[in-house]
């Protein structure tokens, strides 16, 4: 994971601003920028993850932090769908 991505995720969540990420799937593919609303971190079986609402897919997703290779805070705000725990 690129240095600073955790801080970018925290900034996005605390300001309720949409986060855009580049995420690498297990098979090595990427959909390009994905726009998400960050809600919480998870730690399962030695892997850290981010639970976020994927705006384009219309649902909650868990993203492995190790496979988020870039992240930026956008200017778009969001209303909480869940408790923001970040």
C-alpha atoms as a PDB file:
ATOM      1  CA  UNK A   1       0.000   0.000   0.000  1.00  0.00           C
ATOM      2  CA  UNK A   2       1.251   3.459  -0.904  1.00  0.00           C
ATOM      3  CA  UNK A   3       2.371   5.552   2.059  1.00  0.00           C
ATOM      4  CA  UNK A   4      -0.329   7.951   3.165  1.00  0.00           C
ATOM      5  CA  UNK A   5      -3.332   5.995   1.893  1.00  0.00           C
ATOM      6  CA  UNK A   6      -4.609   5.337   5.434  1.00  0.00           C
ATOM      7  CA  UNK A   7      -4.448   9.052   6.189  1.00  0.00           C
ATOM      8  CA  UNK A   8      -6.305   9.855   2.953  1.00  0.00           C
ATOM      9  CA  UNK A   9      -9.026   7.325   3.856  1.00  0.00           C
ATOM     10  CA  UNK A  10      -9.330   8.820   7.370  1.00  0.00           C
ATOM     11  CA  UNK A  11      -9.546  12.360   5.994  1.00  0.00           C
ATOM     12  CA  UNK A  12     -12.272  11.304   3.552  1.00  0.00           C
ATOM     13  CA  UNK A  13     -14.339   9.510   6.195  1.00  0.00           C
ATOM     14  CA  UNK A  14     -14.078  12.226   8.833  1.00  0.00           C
ATOM     15  CA  UNK A  15     -15.064  14.945   6.339  1.00  0.00           C
ATOM     16  CA  UNK A  16     -17.798  12.723   4.788  1.00  0.00           C
ATOM     17  CA  UNK A  17     -16.235  13.235   1.361  1.00  0.00           C
ATOM     18  CA  UNK A  18     -16.373  10.593  -1.360  1.00  0.00           C
ATOM     19  CA  UNK A  19     -13.093   8.737  -1.778  1.00  0.00           C
ATOM     20  CA  UNK A  20     -11.804   7.608  -5.148  1.00  0.00           C
ATOM     21  CA  UNK A  21      -9.499   4.605  -5.176  1.00  0.00           C
ATOM     22  CA  UNK A  22      -7.560   2.486  -7.605  1.00  0.00           C
ATOM     23  CA  UNK A  23      -8.093  -1.100  -6.459  1.00  0.00           C
ATOM     24  CA  UNK A  24      -6.306  -4.165  -7.806  1.00  0.00           C
ATOM     25  CA  UNK A  25      -8.462  -7.302  -7.808  1.00  0.00           C
ATOM     26  CA  UNK A  26      -7.077 -10.713  -6.781  1.00  0.00           C
ATOM     27  CA  UNK A  27      -6.629 -11.589 -10.461  1.00  0.00           C
ATOM     28  CA  UNK A  28      -4.522  -8.462 -11.037  1.00  0.00           C
ATOM     29  CA  UNK A  29      -7.194  -6.526 -12.931  1.00  0.00           C
ATOM     30  CA  UNK A  30      -8.461  -3.052 -12.089  1.00  0.00           C
ATOM     31  CA  UNK A  31     -11.654  -1.183 -12.988  1.00  0.00           C
ATOM     32  CA  UNK A  32      -9.869   2.172 -12.791  1.00  0.00           C
ATOM     33  CA  UNK A  33     -11.103   4.785 -10.340  1.00  0.00           C
ATOM     34  CA  UNK A  34     -13.826   3.535  -8.018  1.00  0.00           C
ATOM     35  CA  UNK A  35     -15.878   6.021  -6.019  1.00  0.00           C
ATOM     36  CA  UNK A  36     -16.657   4.919  -2.471  1.00  0.00           C
ATOM     37  CA  UNK A  37     -18.007   6.171   0.847  1.00  0.00           C
ATOM     38  CA  UNK A  38     -15.627   4.895   3.575  1.00  0.00           C
ATOM     39  CA  UNK A  39     -17.161   3.573   6.817  1.00  0.00           C
ATOM     40  CA  UNK A  40     -14.862   1.279   8.794  1.00  0.00           C
ATOM     41  CA  UNK A  41     -11.694  -0.776   8.871  1.00  0.00           C
ATOM     42  CA  UNK A  42     -11.620  -4.518   9.475  1.00  0.00           C
ATOM     43  CA  UNK A  43      -8.887  -6.943  10.461  1.00  0.00           C
ATOM     44  CA  UNK A  44      -9.629 -10.535   9.485  1.00  0.00           C
ATOM     45  CA  UNK A  45      -7.199 -13.444   9.288  1.00  0.00           C
ATOM     46  CA  UNK A  46      -4.191 -11.144   9.239  1.00  0.00           C
ATOM     47  CA  UNK A  47      -5.602  -8.938   6.454  1.00  0.00           C
ATOM     48  CA  UNK A  48      -6.723  -5.351   6.926  1.00  0.00           C
ATOM     49  CA  UNK A  49      -9.698  -4.120   4.952  1.00  0.00           C
ATOM     50  CA  UNK A  50     -11.897  -1.134   4.310  1.00  0.00           C
ATOM     51  CA  UNK A  51     -15.682  -1.383   4.356  1.00  0.00           C
ATOM     52  CA  UNK A  52     -17.082   1.214   1.975  1.00  0.00           C
ATOM     53  CA  UNK A  53     -20.201   1.829  -0.091  1.00  0.00           C
ATOM     54  CA  UNK A  54     -19.306   1.463  -3.774  1.00  0.00           C
ATOM     55  CA  UNK A  55     -21.338   4.197  -5.456  1.00  0.00           C
ATOM     56  CA  UNK A  56     -21.268   2.720  -8.962  1.00  0.00           C
ATOM     57  CA  UNK A  57     -22.144  -0.799  -7.788  1.00  0.00           C
ATOM     58  CA  UNK A  58     -24.755   0.395  -5.301  1.00  0.00           C
ATOM     59  CA  UNK A  59     -23.594  -1.714  -2.376  1.00  0.00           C
ATOM     60  CA  UNK A  60     -21.216  -2.194   0.519  1.00  0.00           C
ATOM     61  CA  UNK A  61     -17.858  -3.765  -0.343  1.00  0.00           C
ATOM     62  CA  UNK A  62     -14.774  -4.844   1.560  1.00  0.00           C
ATOM     63  CA  UNK A  63     -11.525  -3.707  -0.008  1.00  0.00           C
ATOM     64  CA  UNK A  64      -8.196  -5.211   1.071  1.00  0.00           C
ATOM     65  CA  UNK A  65      -6.012  -2.285   2.122  1.00  0.00           C
ATOM     66  CA  UNK A  66      -3.005  -3.980   0.531  1.00  0.00           C
ATOM     67  CA  UNK A  67      -4.671  -3.822  -2.887  1.00  0.00           C
ATOM     68  CA  UNK A  68      -5.604  -0.120  -2.764  1.00  0.00           C
ATOM     69  CA  UNK A  69      -2.764   1.413  -4.764  1.00  0.00           C
ATOM     70  CA  UNK A  70      -3.968   5.011  -4.976  1.00  0.00           C
ATOM     71  CA  UNK A  71      -6.573   7.145  -3.209  1.00  0.00           C
ATOM     72  CA  UNK A  72      -7.810  10.719  -3.413  1.00  0.00           C
ATOM     73  CA  UNK A  73     -10.449  12.681  -1.501  1.00  0.00           C
ATOM     74  CA  UNK A  74     -13.013  14.240  -3.839  1.00  0.00           C
ATOM     75  CA  UNK A  75     -15.086  17.364  -3.209  1.00  0.00           C
ATOM     76  CA  UNK A  76     -18.343  15.354  -3.254  1.00  0.00           C
ATOM     77  CA  UNK A  77     -19.953  14.817   0.145  1.00  0.00           C
ATOM     78  CA  UNK A  78     -22.103  11.906   1.297  1.00  0.00           C
ATOM     79  CA  UNK A  79     -24.750  11.293   3.934  1.00  0.00           C
ATOM     80  CA  UNK A  80     -24.060   8.391   6.284  1.00  0.00           C
ATOM     81  CA  UNK A  81     -25.697   5.100   5.315  1.00  0.00           C
ATOM     82  CA  UNK A  82     -23.966   3.434   8.289  1.00  0.00           C
ATOM     83  CA  UNK A  83     -22.036   4.657  11.301  1.00  0.00           C
ATOM     84  CA  UNK A  84     -18.678   6.041  10.234  1.00  0.00           C
ATOM     85  CA  UNK A  85     -16.146   4.315  12.495  1.00  0.00           C
ATOM     86  CA  UNK A  86     -12.947   5.729  11.000  1.00  0.00           C
END
